[in-house]
Amino acid sequence: MSQALPTIGIIGAGHIGAAFARALARRDIGAVIANSRGPESLRALAASIGPGIRAGTREEAAAQDIVLVAVNWSKLPAALAGLPDFGGRIVVDANNPIEAPLFKPIALHGRTSSEVIADLAPGARVVKAFNHLDPRLLEADPAERGGRRVLFLAGDDARARAQVGMLIERLGFAGIDLGTLALGGRMTQFPGGPLPSLELVRHG
């Protein structure tokens, strides 16, 4: 008996959230996408992405098995405030501690962005992923130069990392597991990490 595929929610419909939704739709993977303005504001976007992408409430998106969070850094507390305990479900931190349009770094006092996310999402198993590439590359065909475009991931829970790694593979990318948030998460965080914006292609 095959295992049921995890359901997916997206909180944040900006460049990264929409690019992630398009990557899902390319592989006929459904998702619920939400923002702070409500489902009606996302109907047109969801319809333009594909039939499997549905506009929903923040609570609906947060109730899925894997929840990608990608919002402006200053809006993170409001985006996650008041949601029920995640109860061991996976939250994917696709955020970077900067604030557009000036891209001014946010002082985290030695913490990683994922540690901040974990505080805002009680009960979640946090995995850092989908944050290091330009959104245009995230939504583009991952088959590149005879290989597959690389996506990095990191997290403190090995099973959560494995689940996100399987999703990355289903999307056609090559996932590279960098280990814990303190090490791998810091390597992919922008600014400061050595891996953001680095486009790699894995062969074989």
N, C-alpha and C. Protein backbone atom coordinates (compact mmCIF):
# COMPACT_ATOMS: atom_id res chain seq x y z
N MET A 1 0.84 -1.19 0.00
CA MET A 1 0.00 0.00 0.00
C MET A 1 0.88 1.24 0.00
N SER A 2 0.68 2.15 -0.98
CA SER A 2 1.53 3.31 -1.11
C SER A 2 1.18 4.34 -0.04
N GLN A 3 2.22 5.08 0.38
CA GLN A 3 2.03 6.11 1.39
C GLN A 3 1.44 7.35 0.75
N ALA A 4 0.47 7.98 1.43
CA ALA A 4 -0.16 9.18 0.90
C ALA A 4 0.86 10.30 0.80
N LEU A 5 0.77 11.06 -0.28
CA LEU A 5 1.68 12.18 -0.46
C LEU A 5 1.29 13.29 0.50
N PRO A 6 2.28 14.03 1.02
CA PRO A 6 1.96 15.11 1.96
C PRO A 6 1.23 16.24 1.25
N THR A 7 0.32 16.89 1.97
CA THR A 7 -0.35 18.07 1.45
C THR A 7 0.54 19.28 1.70
N ILE A 8 0.35 20.33 0.89
CA ILE A 8 1.27 21.46 0.93
C ILE A 8 0.50 22.77 1.05
N GLY A 9 0.96 23.62 1.95
CA GLY A 9 0.43 24.97 2.10
C GLY A 9 1.53 25.99 1.87
N ILE A 10 1.15 27.16 1.41
CA ILE A 10 2.10 28.25 1.17
C ILE A 10 1.55 29.50 1.84
N ILE A 11 2.33 30.06 2.76
CA ILE A 11 1.96 31.33 3.40
C ILE A 11 2.89 32.39 2.83
N GLY A 12 2.31 33.27 2.03
CA GLY A 12 3.09 34.29 1.33
C GLY A 12 3.00 34.07 -0.16
N ALA A 13 2.50 35.07 -0.88
CA ALA A 13 2.30 34.93 -2.32
C ALA A 13 3.15 35.92 -3.10
N GLY A 14 4.30 36.29 -2.53
CA GLY A 14 5.24 37.15 -3.23
C GLY A 14 6.06 36.36 -4.23
N HIS A 15 7.25 36.84 -4.54
CA HIS A 15 8.06 36.22 -5.58
C HIS A 15 8.39 34.76 -5.26
N ILE A 16 8.83 34.48 -4.03
CA ILE A 16 9.23 33.11 -3.69
C ILE A 16 8.02 32.20 -3.57
N GLY A 17 6.99 32.64 -2.87
CA GLY A 17 5.80 31.81 -2.72
C GLY A 17 5.17 31.45 -4.05
N ALA A 18 5.05 32.44 -4.94
CA ALA A 18 4.46 32.19 -6.26
C ALA A 18 5.36 31.29 -7.10
N ALA A 19 6.67 31.49 -7.03
CA ALA A 19 7.60 30.64 -7.78
C ALA A 19 7.53 29.19 -7.31
N PHE A 20 7.43 29.00 -5.99
CA PHE A 20 7.28 27.65 -5.44
C PHE A 20 5.99 27.02 -5.93
N ALA A 21 4.90 27.78 -5.95
CA ALA A 21 3.62 27.27 -6.44
C ALA A 21 3.73 26.87 -7.91
N ARG A 22 4.44 27.64 -8.71
CA ARG A 22 4.60 27.30 -10.13
C ARG A 22 5.44 26.04 -10.30
N ALA A 23 6.45 25.88 -9.44
CA ALA A 23 7.26 24.66 -9.49
C ALA A 23 6.41 23.44 -9.14
N LEU A 24 5.51 23.59 -8.18
CA LEU A 24 4.60 22.50 -7.82
C LEU A 24 3.66 22.19 -8.98
N ALA A 25 3.06 23.23 -9.55
CA ALA A 25 2.08 23.03 -10.62
C ALA A 25 2.70 22.35 -11.83
N ARG A 26 3.98 22.63 -12.10
CA ARG A 26 4.64 21.98 -13.24
C ARG A 26 4.65 20.47 -13.08
N ARG A 27 4.68 20.00 -11.85
CA ARG A 27 4.71 18.56 -11.56
C ARG A 27 3.34 18.05 -11.11
N ASP A 28 2.29 18.83 -11.35
CA ASP A 28 0.92 18.44 -10.99
C ASP A 28 0.77 18.15 -9.51
N ILE A 29 1.44 18.96 -8.69
CA ILE A 29 1.33 18.86 -7.24
C ILE A 29 0.48 20.02 -6.75
N GLY A 30 -0.58 19.72 -6.01
CA GLY A 30 -1.48 20.75 -5.55
C GLY A 30 -0.98 21.44 -4.29
N ALA A 31 -1.54 22.62 -4.02
CA ALA A 31 -1.20 23.36 -2.80
C ALA A 31 -2.26 24.41 -2.53
N VAL A 32 -2.32 24.81 -1.26
CA VAL A 32 -3.15 25.94 -0.83
C VAL A 32 -2.24 27.13 -0.60
N ILE A 33 -2.51 28.25 -1.27
CA ILE A 33 -1.67 29.44 -1.12
C ILE A 33 -2.48 30.53 -0.43
N ALA A 34 -1.84 31.24 0.47
CA ALA A 34 -2.54 32.26 1.27
C ALA A 34 -1.65 33.47 1.46
N ASN A 35 -2.30 34.60 1.74
CA ASN A 35 -1.57 35.82 2.09
C ASN A 35 -2.33 36.56 3.18
N SER A 36 -1.89 37.76 3.48
CA SER A 36 -2.53 38.52 4.57
C SER A 36 -3.82 39.19 4.13
N ARG A 37 -4.10 39.23 2.83
CA ARG A 37 -5.27 39.96 2.34
C ARG A 37 -6.47 39.06 2.06
N GLY A 38 -6.31 37.75 2.20
CA GLY A 38 -7.45 36.86 2.04
C GLY A 38 -7.51 36.20 0.67
N PRO A 39 -8.28 35.10 0.57
CA PRO A 39 -8.32 34.29 -0.65
C PRO A 39 -8.75 35.05 -1.90
N GLU A 40 -9.69 35.98 -1.76
CA GLU A 40 -10.19 36.68 -2.94
C GLU A 40 -9.07 37.41 -3.68
N SER A 41 -8.09 37.90 -2.93
CA SER A 41 -6.99 38.64 -3.55
C SER A 41 -6.05 37.74 -4.33
N LEU A 42 -6.20 36.41 -4.15
CA LEU A 42 -5.29 35.46 -4.80
C LEU A 42 -5.96 34.59 -5.85
N ARG A 43 -7.26 34.79 -6.07
CA ARG A 43 -7.97 33.93 -7.03
C ARG A 43 -7.31 33.97 -8.41
N ALA A 44 -7.03 35.17 -8.90
CA ALA A 44 -6.47 35.30 -10.25
C ALA A 44 -5.09 34.69 -10.33
N LEU A 45 -4.26 34.92 -9.31
CA LEU A 45 -2.92 34.35 -9.31
C LEU A 45 -2.98 32.83 -9.31
N ALA A 46 -3.80 32.26 -8.42
CA ALA A 46 -3.91 30.81 -8.34
C ALA A 46 -4.40 30.22 -9.65
N ALA A 47 -5.38 30.85 -10.28
CA ALA A 47 -5.89 30.36 -11.55
C ALA A 47 -4.84 30.42 -12.64
N SER A 48 -3.99 31.45 -12.61
CA SER A 48 -2.95 31.59 -13.63
C SER A 48 -1.84 30.56 -13.46
N ILE A 49 -1.66 30.06 -12.24
CA ILE A 49 -0.60 29.09 -11.99
C ILE A 49 -1.02 27.69 -12.43
N GLY A 50 -2.23 27.29 -12.09
CA GLY A 50 -2.68 25.96 -12.49
C GLY A 50 -3.83 25.48 -11.64
N PRO A 51 -4.57 24.48 -12.12
CA PRO A 51 -5.77 24.02 -11.42
C PRO A 51 -5.51 23.41 -10.05
N GLY A 52 -4.31 22.94 -9.80
CA GLY A 52 -4.02 22.33 -8.51
C GLY A 52 -3.67 23.32 -7.42
N ILE A 53 -3.50 24.59 -7.78
CA ILE A 53 -3.14 25.61 -6.80
C ILE A 53 -4.41 26.37 -6.42
N ARG A 54 -4.74 26.33 -5.13
CA ARG A 54 -6.00 26.90 -4.65
C ARG A 54 -5.73 28.02 -3.66
N ALA A 55 -6.41 29.15 -3.85
CA ALA A 55 -6.34 30.24 -2.89
C ALA A 55 -7.11 29.87 -1.63
N GLY A 56 -6.51 30.08 -0.48
CA GLY A 56 -7.17 29.74 0.77
C GLY A 56 -6.83 30.73 1.85
N THR A 57 -7.33 30.47 3.04
CA THR A 57 -7.01 31.32 4.19
C THR A 57 -5.65 30.93 4.74
N ARG A 58 -5.12 31.81 5.56
CA ARG A 58 -3.85 31.53 6.23
C ARG A 58 -3.97 30.27 7.08
N GLU A 59 -5.10 30.10 7.73
CA GLU A 59 -5.31 28.92 8.58
C GLU A 59 -5.36 27.64 7.75
N GLU A 60 -5.99 27.70 6.58
CA GLU A 60 -6.03 26.52 5.70
C GLU A 60 -4.63 26.14 5.24
N ALA A 61 -3.85 27.12 4.81
CA ALA A 61 -2.49 26.84 4.35
C ALA A 61 -1.65 26.25 5.48
N ALA A 62 -1.81 26.81 6.69
CA ALA A 62 -1.01 26.37 7.83
C ALA A 62 -1.40 24.99 8.32
N ALA A 63 -2.55 24.47 7.91
CA ALA A 63 -3.02 23.16 8.37
C ALA A 63 -2.48 22.01 7.53
N GLN A 64 -1.72 22.31 6.48
CA GLN A 64 -1.22 21.24 5.60
C GLN A 64 0.00 20.55 6.22
N ASP A 65 0.39 19.43 5.62
CA ASP A 65 1.50 18.63 6.16
C ASP A 65 2.84 19.37 6.08
N ILE A 66 3.06 20.02 4.95
CA ILE A 66 4.28 20.80 4.73
C ILE A 66 3.85 22.23 4.41
N VAL A 67 4.34 23.19 5.18
CA VAL A 67 3.92 24.58 5.04
C VAL A 67 5.13 25.45 4.73
N LEU A 68 5.20 25.97 3.52
CA LEU A 68 6.28 26.88 3.15
C LEU A 68 5.89 28.30 3.55
N VAL A 69 6.78 28.97 4.26
CA VAL A 69 6.55 30.35 4.70
C VAL A 69 7.54 31.25 3.98
N ALA A 70 7.02 32.22 3.23
CA ALA A 70 7.86 33.14 2.48
C ALA A 70 7.18 34.51 2.45
N VAL A 71 7.49 35.33 3.45
CA VAL A 71 6.91 36.67 3.53
C VAL A 71 8.02 37.66 3.86
N ASN A 72 7.73 38.94 3.68
CA ASN A 72 8.71 39.95 4.08
C ASN A 72 9.03 39.79 5.56
N TRP A 73 10.30 39.96 5.89
CA TRP A 73 10.76 39.66 7.24
C TRP A 73 9.95 40.37 8.31
N SER A 74 9.64 41.64 8.11
CA SER A 74 8.91 42.40 9.12
C SER A 74 7.48 41.89 9.31
N LYS A 75 6.98 41.14 8.33
CA LYS A 75 5.61 40.63 8.39
C LYS A 75 5.52 39.21 8.95
N LEU A 76 6.65 38.61 9.26
CA LEU A 76 6.65 37.23 9.76
C LEU A 76 5.83 37.04 11.04
N PRO A 77 6.01 37.89 12.05
CA PRO A 77 5.22 37.68 13.28
C PRO A 77 3.73 37.68 13.02
N ALA A 78 3.25 38.63 12.21
CA ALA A 78 1.82 38.69 11.92
C ALA A 78 1.37 37.50 11.08
N ALA A 79 2.24 37.04 10.17
CA ALA A 79 1.88 35.92 9.30
C ALA A 79 1.66 34.63 10.07
N LEU A 80 2.36 34.47 11.19
CA LEU A 80 2.29 33.23 11.96
C LEU A 80 1.53 33.38 13.28
N ALA A 81 1.14 34.61 13.62
CA ALA A 81 0.49 34.86 14.91
C ALA A 81 -0.86 34.17 14.99
N GLY A 82 -1.11 33.57 16.15
CA GLY A 82 -2.44 33.01 16.43
C GLY A 82 -2.75 31.68 15.79
N LEU A 83 -1.81 31.12 15.06
CA LEU A 83 -2.06 29.81 14.44
C LEU A 83 -1.96 28.71 15.49
N PRO A 84 -2.71 27.62 15.33
CA PRO A 84 -2.60 26.52 16.28
C PRO A 84 -1.20 25.89 16.26
N ASP A 85 -0.87 25.21 17.34
CA ASP A 85 0.40 24.48 17.41
C ASP A 85 0.52 23.57 16.18
N PHE A 86 1.71 23.54 15.59
CA PHE A 86 1.89 22.77 14.36
C PHE A 86 1.95 21.26 14.60
N GLY A 87 2.10 20.85 15.84
CA GLY A 87 1.98 19.43 16.18
C GLY A 87 2.92 18.52 15.42
N GLY A 88 4.13 18.97 15.17
CA GLY A 88 5.12 18.13 14.50
C GLY A 88 5.11 18.21 12.99
N ARG A 89 4.19 19.00 12.43
CA ARG A 89 4.20 19.17 10.98
C ARG A 89 5.39 20.03 10.57
N ILE A 90 5.69 20.04 9.28
CA ILE A 90 6.90 20.68 8.77
C ILE A 90 6.61 22.11 8.33
N VAL A 91 7.43 23.03 8.79
CA VAL A 91 7.42 24.40 8.28
C VAL A 91 8.73 24.63 7.54
N VAL A 92 8.62 25.00 6.27
CA VAL A 92 9.80 25.28 5.46
C VAL A 92 10.08 26.78 5.53
N ASP A 93 11.24 27.12 6.05
CA ASP A 93 11.66 28.51 6.15
C ASP A 93 12.32 28.91 4.83
N ALA A 94 11.59 29.67 4.01
CA ALA A 94 12.13 30.15 2.73
C ALA A 94 12.45 31.63 2.81
N ASN A 95 12.64 32.13 4.03
CA ASN A 95 12.85 33.56 4.24
C ASN A 95 14.33 33.89 4.40
N ASN A 96 14.65 35.15 4.16
CA ASN A 96 15.98 35.67 4.44
C ASN A 96 15.83 36.93 5.29
N PRO A 97 16.70 37.12 6.28
CA PRO A 97 16.55 38.25 7.20
C PRO A 97 17.02 39.58 6.60
N ILE A 98 16.27 40.02 5.59
CA ILE A 98 16.53 41.31 4.95
C ILE A 98 15.18 41.99 4.75
N GLU A 99 15.22 43.26 4.49
CA GLU A 99 13.98 43.99 4.25
C GLU A 99 14.08 44.77 2.95
N ALA A 100 13.22 44.40 1.99
CA ALA A 100 13.17 45.12 0.72
C ALA A 100 12.55 46.50 0.96
N PRO A 101 12.78 47.51 0.09
CA PRO A 101 13.57 47.42 -1.14
C PRO A 101 15.06 47.66 -0.96
N LEU A 102 15.48 48.06 0.23
CA LEU A 102 16.90 48.39 0.43
C LEU A 102 17.75 47.17 0.75
N PHE A 103 17.10 46.02 1.04
CA PHE A 103 17.79 44.79 1.41
C PHE A 103 18.75 45.01 2.57
N LYS A 104 18.26 45.74 3.55
CA LYS A 104 19.03 46.00 4.74
C LYS A 104 19.01 44.78 5.65
N PRO A 105 20.18 44.28 6.07
CA PRO A 105 20.22 43.10 6.93
C PRO A 105 19.53 43.36 8.27
N ILE A 106 18.85 42.34 8.77
CA ILE A 106 18.21 42.39 10.07
C ILE A 106 19.15 41.81 11.11
N ALA A 107 19.32 42.49 12.22
CA ALA A 107 20.20 42.01 13.28
C ALA A 107 19.54 40.83 14.00
N LEU A 108 20.15 39.67 13.91
CA LEU A 108 19.61 38.48 14.58
C LEU A 108 20.42 38.08 15.81
N HIS A 109 21.48 38.84 16.09
CA HIS A 109 22.29 38.63 17.29
C HIS A 109 22.80 37.19 17.40
N GLY A 110 23.33 36.70 16.28
CA GLY A 110 23.95 35.38 16.27
C GLY A 110 23.01 34.23 15.98
N ARG A 111 21.72 34.48 15.92
CA ARG A 111 20.76 33.41 15.64
C ARG A 111 20.59 33.26 14.13
N THR A 112 20.03 32.14 13.72
CA THR A 112 19.68 31.97 12.32
C THR A 112 18.22 32.36 12.11
N SER A 113 17.87 32.64 10.87
CA SER A 113 16.48 32.99 10.59
C SER A 113 15.55 31.85 10.96
N SER A 114 16.01 30.62 10.79
CA SER A 114 15.17 29.46 11.09
C SER A 114 14.89 29.33 12.59
N GLU A 115 15.83 29.75 13.42
CA GLU A 115 15.58 29.75 14.87
C GLU A 115 14.47 30.75 15.22
N VAL A 116 14.46 31.87 14.53
CA VAL A 116 13.40 32.86 14.74
C VAL A 116 12.06 32.28 14.29
N ILE A 117 12.05 31.64 13.13
CA ILE A 117 10.83 31.00 12.62
C ILE A 117 10.31 29.96 13.61
N ALA A 118 11.22 29.16 14.16
CA ALA A 118 10.82 28.11 15.10
C ALA A 118 10.13 28.70 16.32
N ASP A 119 10.58 29.86 16.78
CA ASP A 119 9.94 30.51 17.92
C ASP A 119 8.53 30.98 17.56
N LEU A 120 8.34 31.37 16.29
CA LEU A 120 7.05 31.90 15.84
C LEU A 120 6.07 30.80 15.45
N ALA A 121 6.59 29.57 15.29
CA ALA A 121 5.75 28.45 14.84
C ALA A 121 5.87 27.29 15.82
N PRO A 122 5.24 27.39 16.99
CA PRO A 122 5.35 26.35 18.01
C PRO A 122 4.94 24.99 17.47
N GLY A 123 5.72 23.98 17.84
CA GLY A 123 5.41 22.60 17.44
C GLY A 123 5.86 22.22 16.05
N ALA A 124 6.44 23.16 15.31
CA ALA A 124 6.86 22.86 13.93
C ALA A 124 8.24 22.24 13.89
N ARG A 125 8.43 21.36 12.93
CA ARG A 125 9.76 20.87 12.59
C ARG A 125 10.23 21.75 11.42
N VAL A 126 11.20 22.60 11.68
CA VAL A 126 11.60 23.62 10.71
C VAL A 126 12.71 23.11 9.81
N VAL A 127 12.52 23.32 8.51
CA VAL A 127 13.53 22.98 7.51
C VAL A 127 13.80 24.24 6.69
N LYS A 128 15.07 24.57 6.53
CA LYS A 128 15.46 25.70 5.69
C LYS A 128 15.62 25.21 4.25
N ALA A 129 14.89 25.82 3.32
CA ALA A 129 14.96 25.40 1.91
C ALA A 129 14.27 26.44 1.04
N PHE A 130 14.54 26.37 -0.26
CA PHE A 130 13.88 27.20 -1.27
C PHE A 130 14.16 28.69 -1.11
N ASN A 131 15.22 29.04 -0.41
CA ASN A 131 15.50 30.46 -0.17
C ASN A 131 16.76 30.97 -0.86
N HIS A 132 17.60 30.07 -1.38
CA HIS A 132 18.92 30.54 -1.80
C HIS A 132 19.00 30.93 -3.27
N LEU A 133 18.00 30.54 -4.08
CA LEU A 133 18.03 30.85 -5.50
C LEU A 133 17.10 32.02 -5.83
N ASP A 134 17.44 32.73 -6.91
CA ASP A 134 16.53 33.72 -7.46
C ASP A 134 15.21 33.03 -7.79
N PRO A 135 14.06 33.62 -7.43
CA PRO A 135 12.77 32.98 -7.71
C PRO A 135 12.58 32.57 -9.16
N ARG A 136 13.18 33.31 -10.08
CA ARG A 136 13.05 32.95 -11.50
C ARG A 136 13.68 31.60 -11.79
N LEU A 137 14.73 31.24 -11.06
CA LEU A 137 15.36 29.93 -11.23
C LEU A 137 14.55 28.85 -10.52
N LEU A 138 13.88 29.23 -9.44
CA LEU A 138 13.07 28.26 -8.71
C LEU A 138 11.87 27.82 -9.55
N GLU A 139 11.29 28.74 -10.32
CA GLU A 139 10.12 28.38 -11.12
C GLU A 139 10.49 27.88 -12.50
N ALA A 140 11.75 28.00 -12.90
CA ALA A 140 12.19 27.53 -14.22
C ALA A 140 12.37 26.01 -14.21
N ASP A 141 12.44 25.43 -15.39
CA ASP A 141 12.68 24.00 -15.51
C ASP A 141 14.01 23.66 -14.84
N PRO A 142 14.02 22.74 -13.86
CA PRO A 142 15.27 22.43 -13.15
C PRO A 142 16.27 21.62 -13.96
N ALA A 143 15.84 21.05 -15.10
CA ALA A 143 16.79 20.34 -15.96
C ALA A 143 17.68 21.37 -16.65
N GLU A 144 18.97 21.31 -16.38
CA GLU A 144 19.88 22.35 -16.86
C GLU A 144 21.24 21.76 -17.21
N ARG A 145 21.70 22.06 -18.41
CA ARG A 145 23.05 21.66 -18.85
C ARG A 145 23.30 20.17 -18.66
N GLY A 146 22.29 19.38 -18.96
CA GLY A 146 22.44 17.94 -18.85
C GLY A 146 22.33 17.39 -17.44
N GLY A 147 21.95 18.23 -16.48
CA GLY A 147 21.82 17.78 -15.09
C GLY A 147 20.58 18.37 -14.45
N ARG A 148 20.63 18.53 -13.14
CA ARG A 148 19.50 19.09 -12.40
C ARG A 148 20.00 20.21 -11.49
N ARG A 149 19.25 21.31 -11.49
CA ARG A 149 19.61 22.44 -10.64
C ARG A 149 19.53 22.03 -9.17
N VAL A 150 20.49 22.49 -8.38
CA VAL A 150 20.62 22.09 -6.98
C VAL A 150 19.79 23.00 -6.07
N LEU A 151 19.11 22.37 -5.09
CA LEU A 151 18.49 23.09 -3.99
C LEU A 151 19.05 22.55 -2.68
N PHE A 152 19.46 23.44 -1.81
CA PHE A 152 19.99 23.05 -0.51
C PHE A 152 18.86 22.97 0.52
N LEU A 153 19.07 22.13 1.53
CA LEU A 153 18.13 22.08 2.64
C LEU A 153 18.87 21.78 3.93
N ALA A 154 18.30 22.24 5.03
CA ALA A 154 18.90 22.01 6.35
C ALA A 154 17.79 21.95 7.38
N GLY A 155 18.04 21.22 8.45
CA GLY A 155 17.05 21.13 9.52
C GLY A 155 17.56 20.27 10.64
N ASP A 156 16.99 20.43 11.82
CA ASP A 156 17.44 19.67 12.99
C ASP A 156 16.76 18.31 13.12
N ASP A 157 15.68 18.09 12.37
CA ASP A 157 14.96 16.83 12.41
C ASP A 157 15.24 16.06 11.12
N ALA A 158 15.89 14.91 11.25
CA ALA A 158 16.32 14.16 10.06
C ALA A 158 15.15 13.69 9.21
N ARG A 159 14.04 13.29 9.85
CA ARG A 159 12.88 12.83 9.08
C ARG A 159 12.24 13.99 8.32
N ALA A 160 12.20 15.16 8.93
CA ALA A 160 11.65 16.33 8.24
C ALA A 160 12.52 16.69 7.05
N ARG A 161 13.83 16.65 7.23
CA ARG A 161 14.74 16.92 6.11
C ARG A 161 14.51 15.92 4.98
N ALA A 162 14.31 14.66 5.35
CA ALA A 162 14.09 13.63 4.33
C ALA A 162 12.82 13.89 3.54
N GLN A 163 11.76 14.32 4.24
CA GLN A 163 10.49 14.59 3.55
C GLN A 163 10.61 15.78 2.60
N VAL A 164 11.28 16.84 3.04
CA VAL A 164 11.48 17.99 2.17
C VAL A 164 12.42 17.61 1.02
N GLY A 165 13.41 16.77 1.32
CA GLY A 165 14.30 16.30 0.26
C GLY A 165 13.54 15.53 -0.80
N MET A 166 12.57 14.71 -0.40
CA MET A 166 11.76 13.96 -1.37
C MET A 166 10.91 14.90 -2.22
N LEU A 167 10.38 15.96 -1.59
CA LEU A 167 9.62 16.95 -2.35
C LEU A 167 10.50 17.64 -3.37
N ILE A 168 11.70 18.01 -2.96
CA ILE A 168 12.65 18.64 -3.89
C ILE A 168 12.92 17.74 -5.08
N GLU A 169 13.11 16.44 -4.81
CA GLU A 169 13.35 15.49 -5.90
C GLU A 169 12.12 15.36 -6.80
N ARG A 170 10.93 15.35 -6.22
CA ARG A 170 9.69 15.28 -7.01
C ARG A 170 9.56 16.49 -7.94
N LEU A 171 10.08 17.61 -7.50
CA LEU A 171 10.02 18.82 -8.32
C LEU A 171 11.07 18.81 -9.43
N GLY A 172 11.94 17.81 -9.42
CA GLY A 172 12.94 17.69 -10.48
C GLY A 172 14.29 18.28 -10.15
N PHE A 173 14.43 18.84 -8.95
CA PHE A 173 15.70 19.41 -8.52
C PHE A 173 16.58 18.33 -7.87
N ALA A 174 17.84 18.65 -7.69
CA ALA A 174 18.76 17.79 -6.94
C ALA A 174 18.92 18.39 -5.56
N GLY A 175 18.44 17.70 -4.54
CA GLY A 175 18.55 18.21 -3.18
C GLY A 175 19.88 17.84 -2.54
N ILE A 176 20.48 18.77 -1.84
CA ILE A 176 21.71 18.52 -1.09
C ILE A 176 21.44 18.87 0.37
N ASP A 177 21.52 17.87 1.22
CA ASP A 177 21.24 18.00 2.64
C ASP A 177 22.48 18.53 3.35
N LEU A 178 22.37 19.70 3.97
CA LEU A 178 23.50 20.33 4.64
C LEU A 178 23.50 20.12 6.15
N GLY A 179 22.58 19.29 6.65
CA GLY A 179 22.59 18.99 8.08
C GLY A 179 21.77 19.97 8.90
N THR A 180 22.26 20.34 10.05
CA THR A 180 21.49 21.09 11.03
C THR A 180 21.28 22.55 10.62
N LEU A 181 20.33 23.18 11.29
CA LEU A 181 20.06 24.59 11.03
C LEU A 181 21.24 25.47 11.42
N ALA A 182 21.90 25.14 12.54
CA ALA A 182 23.01 25.96 13.00
C ALA A 182 24.15 25.98 11.99
N LEU A 183 24.33 24.86 11.28
CA LEU A 183 25.41 24.79 10.29
C LEU A 183 24.89 25.02 8.88
N GLY A 184 24.05 24.12 8.40
CA GLY A 184 23.55 24.22 7.04
C GLY A 184 22.64 25.41 6.81
N GLY A 185 21.77 25.68 7.80
CA GLY A 185 20.88 26.82 7.65
C GLY A 185 21.64 28.13 7.56
N ARG A 186 22.70 28.24 8.32
CA ARG A 186 23.51 29.46 8.29
C ARG A 186 24.24 29.59 6.94
N MET A 187 24.62 28.47 6.34
CA MET A 187 25.33 28.51 5.05
C MET A 187 24.46 29.01 3.91
N THR A 188 23.14 28.76 4.00
CA THR A 188 22.25 29.17 2.91
C THR A 188 21.54 30.49 3.19
N GLN A 189 21.75 31.06 4.36
CA GLN A 189 21.04 32.28 4.75
C GLN A 189 21.67 33.49 4.09
N PHE A 190 20.82 34.39 3.62
CA PHE A 190 21.31 35.64 3.03
C PHE A 190 20.80 36.81 3.87
N PRO A 191 21.71 37.72 4.28
CA PRO A 191 23.14 37.77 3.96
C PRO A 191 23.96 36.94 4.93
N GLY A 192 25.22 36.73 4.58
CA GLY A 192 26.16 36.07 5.47
C GLY A 192 26.61 34.70 5.04
N GLY A 193 25.71 33.88 4.48
CA GLY A 193 26.09 32.54 4.07
C GLY A 193 26.80 32.53 2.73
N PRO A 194 27.63 31.51 2.49
CA PRO A 194 28.37 31.44 1.23
C PRO A 194 27.59 30.89 0.05
N LEU A 195 26.38 30.36 0.27
CA LEU A 195 25.67 29.65 -0.80
C LEU A 195 24.54 30.41 -1.49
N PRO A 196 23.96 31.46 -0.89
CA PRO A 196 22.88 32.16 -1.59
C PRO A 196 23.28 32.68 -2.97
N SER A 197 22.35 32.53 -3.92
CA SER A 197 22.53 32.98 -5.31
C SER A 197 23.52 32.14 -6.09
N LEU A 198 24.07 31.09 -5.46
CA LEU A 198 24.99 30.21 -6.18
C LEU A 198 24.19 29.15 -6.91
N GLU A 199 24.20 29.20 -8.24
CA GLU A 199 23.47 28.24 -9.04
C GLU A 199 24.38 27.08 -9.40
N LEU A 200 24.06 25.91 -8.90
CA LEU A 200 24.83 24.70 -9.17
C LEU A 200 23.97 23.69 -9.90
N VAL A 201 24.61 22.88 -10.71
CA VAL A 201 23.91 21.82 -11.44
C VAL A 201 24.57 20.49 -11.10
N ARG A 202 23.74 19.52 -10.72
CA ARG A 202 24.28 18.20 -10.36
C ARG A 202 24.11 17.25 -11.54
N HIS A 203 25.17 16.56 -11.86
CA HIS A 203 25.14 15.57 -12.94
C HIS A 203 25.21 14.17 -12.32
N GLY A 204 24.42 13.27 -12.90
CA GLY A 204 24.43 11.91 -12.41
C GLY A 204 23.45 11.68 -11.27
